[in-house]
């Protein structure tokens, strides 16, 4: 069985107007050492998947259906104490989006990393934890002496590296990276992503990389899941998805992305806006923006089909 297997996950948020179906029937898996890229427009449910895996949903959010198997155990059913002791940070860790806000400004960076170690590994002594902090900072390209600095004394790229060190502090098997290049300039973002890729290979980590940037996913990941309006519409290995996209939404995303190698062509955009997840449309959720929409697309939700070589697509245009 895969390291992580998500089956029909449904995570909704309660609002005064009703339930926002942020993640609505998502299925995927991640093998040991594999990097999966979650791609899609803002608001499609990518981050909600990540925080559902850790069960750290904000007030009003809850998992209403599905299963999350990690190491062959459905962690949705685990007591909160077991999640905190055995899964978060020790099994699955996360690099949160926006390093500027993820670190506590009134505590030294080293103290925050050490706290993560001592919280999840109570048998570790403070002196040993400090040695691990120094080693972690060195691993992510920071001087160990910077452990004594406060977050405001770090640049954006350095804060992101410190967050990566914190995420690796308890030797997790699965790393969640949520838009790790957000709010960083292009060069620093590229350095951070290069670091994450190198650490994944060096430490044999499995990883879920969340990004709206397809070039980052193509460069970093082994497999890709394309999300739209709370659902995965196409899933497969990176080469297949980018060379032979079958879903109209995936085709639109790739067509909207410029190429530095191909001849000059006019980029195309996807018209319209994503649907309201309080009241998603019937049938295929993409049909209102799809140039190939048929009557069946407006009435029936397409099946998530295996079209060969672990390539899955949810579209009525695809024949069984």
C-alpha atoms as a PDB file:
ATOM      1  CA  UNK A   1       0.000   0.000   0.000  1.00  0.00           C
ATOM      2  CA  UNK A   2       1.104   3.591  -0.665  1.00  0.00           C
ATOM      3  CA  UNK A   3       2.556   5.754   2.125  1.00  0.00           C
ATOM      4  CA  UNK A   4      -0.503   8.013   1.806  1.00  0.00           C
ATOM      5  CA  UNK A   5      -3.804   7.077   0.213  1.00  0.00           C
ATOM      6  CA  UNK A   6      -6.718   9.514   0.177  1.00  0.00           C
ATOM      7  CA  UNK A   7     -10.110   8.092  -0.734  1.00  0.00           C
ATOM      8  CA  UNK A   8     -13.152  10.248  -1.580  1.00  0.00           C
ATOM      9  CA  UNK A   9     -12.118  13.027   0.826  1.00  0.00           C
ATOM     10  CA  UNK A  10     -14.775  15.663   1.475  1.00  0.00           C
ATOM     11  CA  UNK A  11     -13.983  18.744   3.555  1.00  0.00           C
ATOM     12  CA  UNK A  12     -16.614  21.446   3.962  1.00  0.00           C
ATOM     13  CA  UNK A  13     -16.695  24.830   5.668  1.00  0.00           C
ATOM     14  CA  UNK A  14     -19.793  26.014   7.500  1.00  0.00           C
ATOM     15  CA  UNK A  15     -20.866  29.590   6.734  1.00  0.00           C
ATOM     16  CA  UNK A  16     -23.994  31.646   7.369  1.00  0.00           C
ATOM     17  CA  UNK A  17     -25.039  30.949   3.767  1.00  0.00           C
ATOM     18  CA  UNK A  18     -24.475  27.191   3.910  1.00  0.00           C
ATOM     19  CA  UNK A  19     -21.677  24.669   3.305  1.00  0.00           C
ATOM     20  CA  UNK A  20     -18.697  25.565   1.149  1.00  0.00           C
ATOM     21  CA  UNK A  21     -17.660  22.306  -0.536  1.00  0.00           C
ATOM     22  CA  UNK A  22     -13.961  23.156  -0.611  1.00  0.00           C
ATOM     23  CA  UNK A  23     -12.835  19.540  -1.197  1.00  0.00           C
ATOM     24  CA  UNK A  24     -15.565  17.359  -2.617  1.00  0.00           C
ATOM     25  CA  UNK A  25     -14.648  13.759  -3.366  1.00  0.00           C
ATOM     26  CA  UNK A  26     -10.878  13.758  -3.885  1.00  0.00           C
ATOM     27  CA  UNK A  27      -8.885  10.546  -4.374  1.00  0.00           C
ATOM     28  CA  UNK A  28      -5.118  10.204  -4.824  1.00  0.00           C
ATOM     29  CA  UNK A  29      -2.060   8.450  -3.404  1.00  0.00           C
ATOM     30  CA  UNK A  30       1.583   9.200  -2.672  1.00  0.00           C
ATOM     31  CA  UNK A  31       4.244   6.489  -2.650  1.00  0.00           C
ATOM     32  CA  UNK A  32       7.366   6.571  -0.487  1.00  0.00           C
ATOM     33  CA  UNK A  33       9.854   9.013  -2.000  1.00  0.00           C
ATOM     34  CA  UNK A  34       7.324  10.363  -4.516  1.00  0.00           C
ATOM     35  CA  UNK A  35       6.615  14.044  -5.134  1.00  0.00           C
ATOM     36  CA  UNK A  36       3.025  14.890  -6.048  1.00  0.00           C
ATOM     37  CA  UNK A  37       2.113  18.329  -7.345  1.00  0.00           C
ATOM     38  CA  UNK A  38      -1.326  19.781  -6.616  1.00  0.00           C
ATOM     39  CA  UNK A  39      -2.104  22.448  -9.226  1.00  0.00           C
ATOM     40  CA  UNK A  40      -5.080  24.677  -9.893  1.00  0.00           C
ATOM     41  CA  UNK A  41      -6.487  28.165  -9.514  1.00  0.00           C
ATOM     42  CA  UNK A  42      -6.715  29.915  -6.157  1.00  0.00           C
ATOM     43  CA  UNK A  43      -9.659  28.662  -4.139  1.00  0.00           C
ATOM     44  CA  UNK A  44      -9.825  25.235  -5.779  1.00  0.00           C
ATOM     45  CA  UNK A  45      -9.131  23.361  -2.511  1.00  0.00           C
ATOM     46  CA  UNK A  46      -5.384  22.679  -2.621  1.00  0.00           C
ATOM     47  CA  UNK A  47      -4.522  24.104   0.791  1.00  0.00           C
ATOM     48  CA  UNK A  48      -7.663  22.585   2.329  1.00  0.00           C
ATOM     49  CA  UNK A  49      -6.381  19.152   1.308  1.00  0.00           C
ATOM     50  CA  UNK A  50      -3.068  19.825   3.084  1.00  0.00           C
ATOM     51  CA  UNK A  51      -4.617  20.967   6.365  1.00  0.00           C
ATOM     52  CA  UNK A  52      -7.145  18.126   6.170  1.00  0.00           C
ATOM     53  CA  UNK A  53      -4.259  15.648   6.077  1.00  0.00           C
ATOM     54  CA  UNK A  54      -2.967  17.141   9.328  1.00  0.00           C
ATOM     55  CA  UNK A  55      -6.465  17.700  10.749  1.00  0.00           C
ATOM     56  CA  UNK A  56      -5.710  21.345  11.559  1.00  0.00           C
ATOM     57  CA  UNK A  57      -8.787  22.838   9.906  1.00  0.00           C
ATOM     58  CA  UNK A  58      -9.887  26.280  11.116  1.00  0.00           C
ATOM     59  CA  UNK A  59     -13.125  26.860  12.993  1.00  0.00           C
ATOM     60  CA  UNK A  60     -16.083  25.934  10.799  1.00  0.00           C
ATOM     61  CA  UNK A  61     -14.116  23.442   8.702  1.00  0.00           C
ATOM     62  CA  UNK A  62     -14.594  19.711   9.059  1.00  0.00           C
ATOM     63  CA  UNK A  63     -13.998  16.479   7.211  1.00  0.00           C
ATOM     64  CA  UNK A  64     -17.461  15.163   6.363  1.00  0.00           C
ATOM     65  CA  UNK A  65     -16.490  12.051   4.425  1.00  0.00           C
ATOM     66  CA  UNK A  66     -13.761   9.859   3.005  1.00  0.00           C
ATOM     67  CA  UNK A  67     -10.648   8.170   4.351  1.00  0.00           C
ATOM     68  CA  UNK A  68      -7.016   9.217   4.761  1.00  0.00           C
ATOM     69  CA  UNK A  69      -4.704   6.221   5.064  1.00  0.00           C
ATOM     70  CA  UNK A  70      -1.194   7.030   6.275  1.00  0.00           C
ATOM     71  CA  UNK A  71       1.061   4.013   6.889  1.00  0.00           C
ATOM     72  CA  UNK A  72      -2.038   1.842   6.304  1.00  0.00           C
ATOM     73  CA  UNK A  73      -3.990   3.546   9.118  1.00  0.00           C
ATOM     74  CA  UNK A  74      -7.048   5.767   8.639  1.00  0.00           C
ATOM     75  CA  UNK A  75      -5.879   8.875  10.497  1.00  0.00           C
ATOM     76  CA  UNK A  76      -9.321  10.481  10.341  1.00  0.00           C
ATOM     77  CA  UNK A  77     -10.344   7.985  13.020  1.00  0.00           C
ATOM     78  CA  UNK A  78      -7.330   8.629  15.269  1.00  0.00           C
ATOM     79  CA  UNK A  79      -7.881  10.390  18.614  1.00  0.00           C
ATOM     80  CA  UNK A  80      -6.539  13.944  18.656  1.00  0.00           C
ATOM     81  CA  UNK A  81      -3.803  13.009  21.131  1.00  0.00           C
ATOM     82  CA  UNK A  82      -2.474  10.305  18.794  1.00  0.00           C
ATOM     83  CA  UNK A  83      -2.503  12.753  15.874  1.00  0.00           C
ATOM     84  CA  UNK A  84      -0.458  15.242  17.867  1.00  0.00           C
ATOM     85  CA  UNK A  85       2.031  12.690  19.220  1.00  0.00           C
ATOM     86  CA  UNK A  86       2.507  10.371  16.243  1.00  0.00           C
ATOM     87  CA  UNK A  87       1.402  12.015  12.999  1.00  0.00           C
ATOM     88  CA  UNK A  88       1.907  15.770  13.009  1.00  0.00           C
ATOM     89  CA  UNK A  89       5.551  16.671  12.465  1.00  0.00           C
ATOM     90  CA  UNK A  90       6.809  13.100  13.127  1.00  0.00           C
ATOM     91  CA  UNK A  91       4.887  11.539  10.217  1.00  0.00           C
ATOM     92  CA  UNK A  92       3.571  14.468   8.175  1.00  0.00           C
ATOM     93  CA  UNK A  93       4.954  18.003   8.399  1.00  0.00           C
ATOM     94  CA  UNK A  94       4.182  21.203   6.540  1.00  0.00           C
ATOM     95  CA  UNK A  95       5.921  24.289   5.220  1.00  0.00           C
ATOM     96  CA  UNK A  96       3.159  26.877   5.464  1.00  0.00           C
ATOM     97  CA  UNK A  97       2.419  29.457   2.816  1.00  0.00           C
ATOM     98  CA  UNK A  98       3.911  32.858   3.627  1.00  0.00           C
ATOM     99  CA  UNK A  99       7.070  32.644   5.715  1.00  0.00           C
ATOM    100  CA  UNK A 100       6.535  36.241   6.825  1.00  0.00           C
ATOM    101  CA  UNK A 101       3.634  35.233   9.073  1.00  0.00           C
ATOM    102  CA  UNK A 102       4.458  31.624   9.976  1.00  0.00           C
ATOM    103  CA  UNK A 103       7.162  32.360  12.560  1.00  0.00           C
ATOM    104  CA  UNK A 104       6.418  33.904  15.946  1.00  0.00           C
ATOM    105  CA  UNK A 105       8.098  37.353  15.935  1.00  0.00           C
ATOM    106  CA  UNK A 106       8.822  37.447  19.690  1.00  0.00           C
ATOM    107  CA  UNK A 107      10.767  34.169  19.924  1.00  0.00           C
ATOM    108  CA  UNK A 108      14.208  33.384  18.538  1.00  0.00           C
ATOM    109  CA  UNK A 109      14.225  31.186  15.462  1.00  0.00           C
ATOM    110  CA  UNK A 110      16.277  28.449  17.125  1.00  0.00           C
ATOM    111  CA  UNK A 111      13.922  28.347  20.105  1.00  0.00           C
ATOM    112  CA  UNK A 112      10.949  27.805  17.788  1.00  0.00           C
ATOM    113  CA  UNK A 113      12.622  24.915  15.999  1.00  0.00           C
ATOM    114  CA  UNK A 114      13.719  23.418  19.323  1.00  0.00           C
ATOM    115  CA  UNK A 115      10.160  23.683  20.656  1.00  0.00           C
ATOM    116  CA  UNK A 116       8.921  21.564  17.731  1.00  0.00           C
ATOM    117  CA  UNK A 117      11.465  18.871  18.617  1.00  0.00           C
ATOM    118  CA  UNK A 118      10.765  18.864  22.368  1.00  0.00           C
ATOM    119  CA  UNK A 119       6.983  18.916  21.887  1.00  0.00           C
ATOM    120  CA  UNK A 120       6.921  15.863  19.651  1.00  0.00           C
ATOM    121  CA  UNK A 121       9.894  14.023  21.158  1.00  0.00           C
ATOM    122  CA  UNK A 122       9.633  14.566  24.947  1.00  0.00           C
ATOM    123  CA  UNK A 123      12.503  12.152  25.681  1.00  0.00           C
ATOM    124  CA  UNK A 124      14.993  14.392  23.884  1.00  0.00           C
ATOM    125  CA  UNK A 125      17.092  16.591  26.176  1.00  0.00           C
ATOM    126  CA  UNK A 126      17.436  20.337  25.560  1.00  0.00           C
ATOM    127  CA  UNK A 127      21.175  20.071  24.812  1.00  0.00           C
ATOM    128  CA  UNK A 128      20.577  17.374  22.196  1.00  0.00           C
ATOM    129  CA  UNK A 129      17.742  19.397  20.699  1.00  0.00           C
ATOM    130  CA  UNK A 130      20.032  22.429  20.369  1.00  0.00           C
ATOM    131  CA  UNK A 131      22.579  20.306  18.484  1.00  0.00           C
ATOM    132  CA  UNK A 132      19.813  19.146  16.131  1.00  0.00           C
ATOM    133  CA  UNK A 133      18.704  22.744  15.579  1.00  0.00           C
ATOM    134  CA  UNK A 134      22.251  23.718  14.578  1.00  0.00           C
ATOM    135  CA  UNK A 135      22.475  20.759  12.196  1.00  0.00           C
ATOM    136  CA  UNK A 136      19.068  21.543  10.681  1.00  0.00           C
ATOM    137  CA  UNK A 137      19.987  25.173  10.038  1.00  0.00           C
ATOM    138  CA  UNK A 138      23.206  24.032   8.402  1.00  0.00           C
ATOM    139  CA  UNK A 139      21.260  21.540   6.281  1.00  0.00           C
ATOM    140  CA  UNK A 140      19.038  24.287   4.858  1.00  0.00           C
ATOM    141  CA  UNK A 141      21.961  26.623   4.169  1.00  0.00           C
ATOM    142  CA  UNK A 142      21.857  28.863   7.241  1.00  0.00           C
ATOM    143  CA  UNK A 143      24.650  29.545   9.714  1.00  0.00           C
ATOM    144  CA  UNK A 144      23.949  27.655  12.986  1.00  0.00           C
ATOM    145  CA  UNK A 145      24.689  30.877  14.871  1.00  0.00           C
ATOM    146  CA  UNK A 146      21.544  32.402  13.353  1.00  0.00           C
ATOM    147  CA  UNK A 147      19.511  30.275  15.771  1.00  0.00           C
ATOM    148  CA  UNK A 148      19.929  33.169  18.230  1.00  0.00           C
ATOM    149  CA  UNK A 149      18.297  35.675  15.885  1.00  0.00           C
ATOM    150  CA  UNK A 150      14.663  36.773  15.774  1.00  0.00           C
ATOM    151  CA  UNK A 151      12.571  36.359  12.592  1.00  0.00           C
ATOM    152  CA  UNK A 152      12.742  40.108  11.818  1.00  0.00           C
ATOM    153  CA  UNK A 153      16.515  39.735  11.459  1.00  0.00           C
ATOM    154  CA  UNK A 154      16.001  37.228   8.616  1.00  0.00           C
ATOM    155  CA  UNK A 155      15.246  37.973   4.988  1.00  0.00           C
ATOM    156  CA  UNK A 156      12.204  36.360   3.398  1.00  0.00           C
ATOM    157  CA  UNK A 157      14.275  33.574   1.884  1.00  0.00           C
ATOM    158  CA  UNK A 158      16.023  32.898   5.181  1.00  0.00           C
ATOM    159  CA  UNK A 159      12.686  32.678   7.002  1.00  0.00           C
ATOM    160  CA  UNK A 160      11.478  30.163   4.447  1.00  0.00           C
ATOM    161  CA  UNK A 161      14.625  28.105   4.974  1.00  0.00           C
ATOM    162  CA  UNK A 162      14.041  28.253   8.738  1.00  0.00           C
ATOM    163  CA  UNK A 163      10.490  26.985   8.210  1.00  0.00           C
ATOM    164  CA  UNK A 164      11.844  24.101   6.124  1.00  0.00           C
ATOM    165  CA  UNK A 165      14.297  23.296   8.950  1.00  0.00           C
ATOM    166  CA  UNK A 166      11.390  23.280  11.395  1.00  0.00           C
ATOM    167  CA  UNK A 167       9.357  20.999   9.120  1.00  0.00           C
ATOM    168  CA  UNK A 168      12.262  18.537   8.987  1.00  0.00           C
ATOM    169  CA  UNK A 169      12.993  18.692  12.731  1.00  0.00           C
ATOM    170  CA  UNK A 170      11.281  15.394  13.621  1.00  0.00           C
ATOM    171  CA  UNK A 171      12.317  13.407  10.515  1.00  0.00           C
ATOM    172  CA  UNK A 172       8.887  13.171   8.814  1.00  0.00           C
ATOM    173  CA  UNK A 173       8.124  10.738   6.004  1.00  0.00           C
ATOM    174  CA  UNK A 174       5.819  13.146   4.134  1.00  0.00           C
ATOM    175  CA  UNK A 175       6.436  16.868   3.627  1.00  0.00           C
ATOM    176  CA  UNK A 176       3.637  19.227   2.582  1.00  0.00           C
ATOM    177  CA  UNK A 177       4.916  22.386   0.872  1.00  0.00           C
ATOM    178  CA  UNK A 178       2.188  24.992   0.400  1.00  0.00           C
ATOM    179  CA  UNK A 179       3.253  27.580  -2.196  1.00  0.00           C
ATOM    180  CA  UNK A 180       6.784  27.756  -0.723  1.00  0.00           C
ATOM    181  CA  UNK A 181       7.803  30.558  -3.088  1.00  0.00           C
ATOM    182  CA  UNK A 182       4.966  32.930  -2.151  1.00  0.00           C
ATOM    183  CA  UNK A 183       6.021  36.554  -1.407  1.00  0.00           C
ATOM    184  CA  UNK A 184       9.631  35.826  -2.417  1.00  0.00           C
ATOM    185  CA  UNK A 185      11.363  37.352  -5.406  1.00  0.00           C
ATOM    186  CA  UNK A 186      11.956  35.082  -8.390  1.00  0.00           C
ATOM    187  CA  UNK A 187      15.608  34.288  -7.648  1.00  0.00           C
ATOM    188  CA  UNK A 188      15.065  33.546  -3.944  1.00  0.00           C
ATOM    189  CA  UNK A 189      11.954  31.466  -4.717  1.00  0.00           C
ATOM    190  CA  UNK A 190      13.993  29.403  -7.193  1.00  0.00           C
ATOM    191  CA  UNK A 191      16.683  28.845  -4.547  1.00  0.00           C
ATOM    192  CA  UNK A 192      14.091  27.702  -1.981  1.00  0.00           C
ATOM    193  CA  UNK A 193      12.479  25.287  -4.436  1.00  0.00           C
ATOM    194  CA  UNK A 194      15.897  23.925  -5.430  1.00  0.00           C
ATOM    195  CA  UNK A 195      16.639  23.358  -1.740  1.00  0.00           C
ATOM    196  CA  UNK A 196      13.349  21.515  -1.198  1.00  0.00           C
ATOM    197  CA  UNK A 197      14.020  19.275  -4.189  1.00  0.00           C
ATOM    198  CA  UNK A 198      17.564  18.484  -3.005  1.00  0.00           C
ATOM    199  CA  UNK A 199      16.408  17.717   0.544  1.00  0.00           C
ATOM    200  CA  UNK A 200      13.623  15.480  -0.747  1.00  0.00           C
ATOM    201  CA  UNK A 201      16.150  13.390  -2.683  1.00  0.00           C
ATOM    202  CA  UNK A 202      18.794  13.421   0.052  1.00  0.00           C
ATOM    203  CA  UNK A 203      16.380  12.443   2.836  1.00  0.00           C
ATOM    204  CA  UNK A 204      14.168  10.171   0.678  1.00  0.00           C
ATOM    205  CA  UNK A 205      11.076  12.190   1.574  1.00  0.00           C
ATOM    206  CA  UNK A 206       7.661  11.885   0.024  1.00  0.00           C
ATOM    207  CA  UNK A 207       6.239  15.306  -0.777  1.00  0.00           C
ATOM    208  CA  UNK A 208       3.055  17.092  -1.796  1.00  0.00           C
ATOM    209  CA  UNK A 209       3.894  20.411  -3.447  1.00  0.00           C
ATOM    210  CA  UNK A 210       1.004  22.854  -3.742  1.00  0.00           C
ATOM    211  CA  UNK A 211       1.352  25.480  -6.453  1.00  0.00           C
ATOM    212  CA  UNK A 212      -0.555  27.386  -9.096  1.00  0.00           C
ATOM    213  CA  UNK A 213       2.671  27.569 -11.129  1.00  0.00           C
ATOM    214  CA  UNK A 214       2.852  24.634 -13.534  1.00  0.00           C
ATOM    215  CA  UNK A 215       6.537  25.218 -14.270  1.00  0.00           C
ATOM    216  CA  UNK A 216       7.411  24.597 -10.615  1.00  0.00           C
ATOM    217  CA  UNK A 217       5.454  21.347 -10.603  1.00  0.00           C
ATOM    218  CA  UNK A 218       7.014  20.216 -13.894  1.00  0.00           C
ATOM    219  CA  UNK A 219      10.483  20.868 -12.483  1.00  0.00           C
ATOM    220  CA  UNK A 220       9.961  19.356  -9.042  1.00  0.00           C
ATOM    221  CA  UNK A 221       7.308  16.624  -9.066  1.00  0.00           C
ATOM    222  CA  UNK A 222       6.897  13.045 -10.293  1.00  0.00           C
ATOM    223  CA  UNK A 223       3.092  13.051 -10.523  1.00  0.00           C
ATOM    224  CA  UNK A 224       0.492  15.786 -10.834  1.00  0.00           C
ATOM    225  CA  UNK A 225      -3.114  16.253  -9.756  1.00  0.00           C
ATOM    226  CA  UNK A 226      -4.983  19.072 -11.485  1.00  0.00           C
ATOM    227  CA  UNK A 227      -7.734  20.497  -9.276  1.00  0.00           C
ATOM    228  CA  UNK A 228     -10.799  22.484 -10.233  1.00  0.00           C
ATOM    229  CA  UNK A 229     -13.585  23.663  -7.906  1.00  0.00           C
ATOM    230  CA  UNK A 230     -12.888  21.153  -5.139  1.00  0.00           C
ATOM    231  CA  UNK A 231     -12.272  18.142  -7.369  1.00  0.00           C
ATOM    232  CA  UNK A 232      -9.332  16.490  -9.107  1.00  0.00           C
ATOM    233  CA  UNK A 233     -10.066  16.537 -12.843  1.00  0.00           C
ATOM    234  CA  UNK A 234      -6.838  14.938 -14.104  1.00  0.00           C
ATOM    235  CA  UNK A 235      -4.127  12.902 -12.409  1.00  0.00           C
ATOM    236  CA  UNK A 236      -1.008  11.171 -13.676  1.00  0.00           C
ATOM    237  CA  UNK A 237       2.748  11.355 -14.058  1.00  0.00           C
ATOM    238  CA  UNK A 238       4.196  14.760 -14.909  1.00  0.00           C
ATOM    239  CA  UNK A 239       5.419  13.887 -18.400  1.00  0.00           C
ATOM    240  CA  UNK A 240       2.057  12.439 -19.457  1.00  0.00           C
ATOM    241  CA  UNK A 241       0.049  15.344 -18.043  1.00  0.00           C
ATOM    242  CA  UNK A 242       2.188  17.986 -19.728  1.00  0.00           C
ATOM    243  CA  UNK A 243       2.642  16.193 -23.055  1.00  0.00           C
ATOM    244  CA  UNK A 244      -0.792  14.606 -23.394  1.00  0.00           C
ATOM    245  CA  UNK A 245      -3.309  16.602 -21.324  1.00  0.00           C
ATOM    246  CA  UNK A 246      -6.810  15.225 -21.841  1.00  0.00           C
ATOM    247  CA  UNK A 247      -9.070  17.384 -19.703  1.00  0.00           C
ATOM    248  CA  UNK A 248     -10.043  20.747 -21.275  1.00  0.00           C
ATOM    249  CA  UNK A 249      -9.148  22.552 -18.054  1.00  0.00           C
ATOM    250  CA  UNK A 250      -5.634  21.036 -18.008  1.00  0.00           C
ATOM    251  CA  UNK A 251      -5.243  21.943 -21.683  1.00  0.00           C
ATOM    252  CA  UNK A 252      -6.324  25.502 -20.880  1.00  0.00           C
ATOM    253  CA  UNK A 253      -3.858  25.835 -18.007  1.00  0.00           C
ATOM    254  CA  UNK A 254      -0.958  24.632 -20.139  1.00  0.00           C
ATOM    255  CA  UNK A 255      -1.978  26.840 -23.096  1.00  0.00           C
ATOM    256  CA  UNK A 256      -2.061  29.869 -20.790  1.00  0.00           C
ATOM    257  CA  UNK A 257       1.538  29.298 -19.754  1.00  0.00           C
ATOM    258  CA  UNK A 258       4.319  30.843 -21.891  1.00  0.00           C
ATOM    259  CA  UNK A 259       7.137  28.738 -23.312  1.00  0.00           C
ATOM    260  CA  UNK A 260      10.704  29.981 -23.803  1.00  0.00           C
ATOM    261  CA  UNK A 261      11.450  27.195 -26.292  1.00  0.00           C
ATOM    262  CA  UNK A 262       8.438  27.099 -28.615  1.00  0.00           C
ATOM    263  CA  UNK A 263       7.865  29.582 -31.435  1.00  0.00           C
ATOM    264  CA  UNK A 264       6.036  32.776 -30.552  1.00  0.00           C
ATOM    265  CA  UNK A 265       2.323  32.063 -30.219  1.00  0.00           C
ATOM    266  CA  UNK A 266      -0.486  34.024 -28.682  1.00  0.00           C
ATOM    267  CA  UNK A 267      -1.297  32.715 -25.222  1.00  0.00           C
ATOM    268  CA  UNK A 268      -4.895  31.774 -24.589  1.00  0.00           C
ATOM    269  CA  UNK A 269      -6.823  32.280 -21.369  1.00  0.00           C
ATOM    270  CA  UNK A 270      -9.697  30.346 -19.832  1.00  0.00           C
ATOM    271  CA  UNK A 271     -12.812  32.540 -19.997  1.00  0.00           C
ATOM    272  CA  UNK A 272     -15.134  33.010 -17.037  1.00  0.00           C
ATOM    273  CA  UNK A 273     -14.612  32.362 -13.335  1.00  0.00           C
ATOM    274  CA  UNK A 274     -14.657  29.268 -11.090  1.00  0.00           C
ATOM    275  CA  UNK A 275     -18.095  28.359  -9.714  1.00  0.00           C
ATOM    276  CA  UNK A 276     -19.399  29.278  -6.272  1.00  0.00           C
ATOM    277  CA  UNK A 277     -18.628  26.279  -4.067  1.00  0.00           C
ATOM    278  CA  UNK A 278     -21.637  27.091  -1.890  1.00  0.00           C
ATOM    279  CA  UNK A 279     -23.838  26.124  -4.826  1.00  0.00           C
ATOM    280  CA  UNK A 280     -21.702  24.312  -7.397  1.00  0.00           C
ATOM    281  CA  UNK A 281     -23.358  23.679 -10.759  1.00  0.00           C
ATOM    282  CA  UNK A 282     -24.753  20.241 -11.597  1.00  0.00           C
ATOM    283  CA  UNK A 283     -22.825  17.908 -13.871  1.00  0.00           C
ATOM    284  CA  UNK A 284     -19.218  18.761 -14.629  1.00  0.00           C
ATOM    285  CA  UNK A 285     -18.156  21.798 -12.613  1.00  0.00           C
ATOM    286  CA  UNK A 286     -16.098  23.073 -15.531  1.00  0.00           C
ATOM    287  CA  UNK A 287     -18.908  22.975 -18.105  1.00  0.00           C
ATOM    288  CA  UNK A 288     -19.724  26.692 -17.877  1.00  0.00           C
ATOM    289  CA  UNK A 289     -16.180  27.558 -19.035  1.00  0.00           C
ATOM    290  CA  UNK A 290     -15.521  24.573 -21.293  1.00  0.00           C
ATOM    291  CA  UNK A 291     -15.427  25.123 -25.081  1.00  0.00           C
ATOM    292  CA  UNK A 292     -16.454  21.484 -25.647  1.00  0.00           C
ATOM    293  CA  UNK A 293     -19.389  21.318 -23.211  1.00  0.00           C
ATOM    294  CA  UNK A 294     -22.259  19.032 -24.233  1.00  0.00           C
ATOM    295  CA  UNK A 295     -25.709  18.544 -22.747  1.00  0.00           C
ATOM    296  CA  UNK A 296     -24.497  15.565 -20.710  1.00  0.00           C
ATOM    297  CA  UNK A 297     -21.799  17.782 -19.148  1.00  0.00           C
ATOM    298  CA  UNK A 298     -24.504  20.086 -17.769  1.00  0.00           C
ATOM    299  CA  UNK A 299     -26.515  17.213 -16.305  1.00  0.00           C
ATOM    300  CA  UNK A 300     -24.238  14.352 -15.178  1.00  0.00           C
ATOM    301  CA  UNK A 301     -20.985  14.434 -13.246  1.00  0.00           C
ATOM    302  CA  UNK A 302     -18.292  12.619 -15.263  1.00  0.00           C
ATOM    303  CA  UNK A 303     -16.673   9.481 -13.911  1.00  0.00           C
ATOM    304  CA  UNK A 304     -13.031   9.627 -12.789  1.00  0.00           C
ATOM    305  CA  UNK A 305     -11.666   7.133 -15.335  1.00  0.00           C
ATOM    306  CA  UNK A 306      -8.376   5.294 -15.670  1.00  0.00           C
ATOM    307  CA  UNK A 307      -7.269   5.894 -19.267  1.00  0.00           C
ATOM    308  CA  UNK A 308      -4.094   3.818 -18.897  1.00  0.00           C
ATOM    309  CA  UNK A 309      -0.670   3.982 -17.248  1.00  0.00           C
ATOM    310  CA  UNK A 310      -2.131   5.409 -14.010  1.00  0.00           C
ATOM    311  CA  UNK A 311      -3.532   8.382 -15.922  1.00  0.00           C
ATOM    312  CA  UNK A 312      -6.984   9.401 -14.650  1.00  0.00           C
ATOM    313  CA  UNK A 313      -9.388  11.931 -16.171  1.00  0.00           C
ATOM    314  CA  UNK A 314     -12.851  13.158 -15.247  1.00  0.00           C
ATOM    315  CA  UNK A 315     -14.425  14.231 -18.549  1.00  0.00           C
ATOM    316  CA  UNK A 316     -17.349  13.119 -20.739  1.00  0.00           C
ATOM    317  CA  UNK A 317     -15.211  13.664 -23.840  1.00  0.00           C
ATOM    318  CA  UNK A 318     -13.110  10.654 -22.877  1.00  0.00           C
ATOM    319  CA  UNK A 319     -14.519   7.338 -23.992  1.00  0.00           C
ATOM    320  CA  UNK A 320     -14.103   4.195 -21.904  1.00  0.00           C
END
